[in-house]
């Protein structure tokens, strides 16, 4: 009975992903409203049922959906994209962390938080 939370989380993820695939940027709100509130509960239940191998899958769903939503939003943006000073600072930080001992994946994880 408790496994309904991980299934509801995955259902909201796939519904949002399908909506984003159809270029509906508002589909991300399905995930934000239905999936994120039960995210911690779903991870706890999966851990409690000793399905530890599924935890990285559930965690990566969140990052994947955010990246896909960002790509769809930028792709559908019709105006000329004008970078601001903060954008340059973020790119400089990304370049700095990529050039240091960290790999690019670790530096992208810094931006996740």
Protein backbone atom coordinates (compact mmCIF):
# COMPACT_ATOMS: atom_id res chain seq x y z
CA UNK A 1 0.00 0.00 0.00
CA UNK A 2 2.84 2.39 0.77
CA UNK A 3 4.37 1.84 -2.65
CA UNK A 4 1.70 4.16 -4.03
CA UNK A 5 3.96 7.12 -3.18
CA UNK A 6 6.88 6.07 -5.41
CA UNK A 7 4.44 5.17 -8.18
CA UNK A 8 2.67 8.53 -7.84
CA UNK A 9 6.04 10.26 -7.96
CA UNK A 10 7.03 8.41 -11.12
CA UNK A 11 3.60 9.02 -12.65
CA UNK A 12 3.92 12.77 -12.11
CA UNK A 13 7.43 12.62 -13.59
CA UNK A 14 6.32 10.80 -16.73
CA UNK A 15 3.24 13.00 -17.19
CA UNK A 16 5.41 16.10 -16.96
CA UNK A 17 8.00 14.64 -19.28
CA UNK A 18 5.31 13.79 -21.83
CA UNK A 19 3.92 17.31 -21.59
CA UNK A 20 7.36 18.81 -22.07
CA UNK A 21 7.92 16.51 -25.03
CA UNK A 22 4.77 18.04 -26.55
CA UNK A 23 6.33 21.49 -25.93
CA UNK A 24 3.91 22.43 -23.17
CA UNK A 25 6.13 24.26 -20.69
CA UNK A 26 3.32 24.41 -18.13
CA UNK A 27 3.55 20.63 -17.76
CA UNK A 28 6.41 21.10 -15.30
CA UNK A 29 3.80 22.23 -12.78
CA UNK A 30 2.33 18.71 -12.70
CA UNK A 31 5.63 17.55 -11.28
CA UNK A 32 6.07 20.55 -8.99
CA UNK A 33 2.57 20.25 -7.51
CA UNK A 34 2.20 16.46 -7.40
CA UNK A 35 5.71 15.00 -7.44
CA UNK A 36 7.94 17.22 -5.32
CA UNK A 37 5.77 17.17 -2.16
CA UNK A 38 6.01 13.37 -2.00
CA UNK A 39 9.63 13.17 -3.13
CA UNK A 40 11.14 12.54 0.33
CA UNK A 41 8.33 10.17 1.27
CA UNK A 42 8.83 8.16 -1.91
CA UNK A 43 12.59 7.89 -1.30
CA UNK A 44 12.02 6.80 2.30
CA UNK A 45 9.53 4.14 1.30
CA UNK A 46 11.79 2.82 -1.45
CA UNK A 47 14.63 2.64 1.09
CA UNK A 48 12.35 0.95 3.61
CA UNK A 49 11.40 -1.75 1.13
CA UNK A 50 15.12 -2.41 0.57
CA UNK A 51 15.04 -1.23 -3.02
CA UNK A 52 18.20 0.83 -2.64
CA UNK A 53 19.12 0.48 -6.28
CA UNK A 54 16.06 2.54 -7.25
CA UNK A 55 17.02 5.57 -5.15
CA UNK A 56 19.52 7.01 -7.70
CA UNK A 57 16.90 6.52 -10.41
CA UNK A 58 14.32 8.52 -8.46
CA UNK A 59 16.87 11.19 -7.62
CA UNK A 60 17.99 11.58 -11.22
CA UNK A 61 14.39 11.98 -12.37
CA UNK A 62 14.28 15.37 -10.67
CA UNK A 63 17.45 16.66 -12.31
CA UNK A 64 16.52 15.24 -15.69
CA UNK A 65 13.13 16.91 -15.68
CA UNK A 66 14.57 20.28 -14.69
CA UNK A 67 17.18 20.12 -17.46
CA UNK A 68 14.55 19.08 -20.03
CA UNK A 69 12.25 21.91 -18.88
CA UNK A 70 15.10 24.40 -19.21
CA UNK A 71 15.96 23.18 -22.70
CA UNK A 72 12.32 23.33 -23.82
CA UNK A 73 11.89 26.83 -22.34
CA UNK A 74 15.03 28.14 -24.06
CA UNK A 75 14.14 26.41 -27.33
CA UNK A 76 10.65 27.95 -27.38
CA UNK A 77 11.85 31.42 -26.36
CA UNK A 78 11.08 33.67 -29.30
CA UNK A 79 12.84 36.89 -28.30
CA UNK A 80 16.54 37.64 -28.58
CA UNK A 81 18.32 36.26 -25.54
CA UNK A 82 20.23 39.05 -23.82
CA UNK A 83 22.69 37.81 -21.18
CA UNK A 84 23.03 39.88 -18.02
CA UNK A 85 25.94 40.39 -15.67
CA UNK A 86 24.82 37.53 -13.41
CA UNK A 87 24.85 35.14 -16.38
CA UNK A 88 28.48 35.96 -17.03
CA UNK A 89 29.34 35.40 -13.36
CA UNK A 90 27.65 31.99 -13.41
CA UNK A 91 29.48 31.01 -16.59
CA UNK A 92 32.76 32.18 -15.07
CA UNK A 93 32.12 30.08 -11.97
CA UNK A 94 31.30 27.06 -14.13
CA UNK A 95 34.51 27.53 -16.12
CA UNK A 96 36.51 27.97 -12.91
CA UNK A 97 35.16 24.80 -11.32
CA UNK A 98 35.63 22.87 -14.56
CA UNK A 99 39.28 23.93 -14.76
CA UNK A 100 39.99 23.07 -11.13
CA UNK A 101 40.32 19.53 -9.82
CA UNK A 102 36.57 18.97 -10.12
CA UNK A 103 35.06 17.40 -13.20
CA UNK A 104 32.26 19.06 -15.14
CA UNK A 105 29.64 16.80 -13.57
CA UNK A 106 30.64 17.86 -10.06
CA UNK A 107 30.51 21.52 -11.01
CA UNK A 108 27.04 21.05 -12.50
CA UNK A 109 25.97 19.45 -9.24
CA UNK A 110 27.03 22.68 -7.51
CA UNK A 111 24.46 24.55 -9.57
CA UNK A 112 21.76 22.02 -8.74
CA UNK A 113 21.56 23.25 -5.18
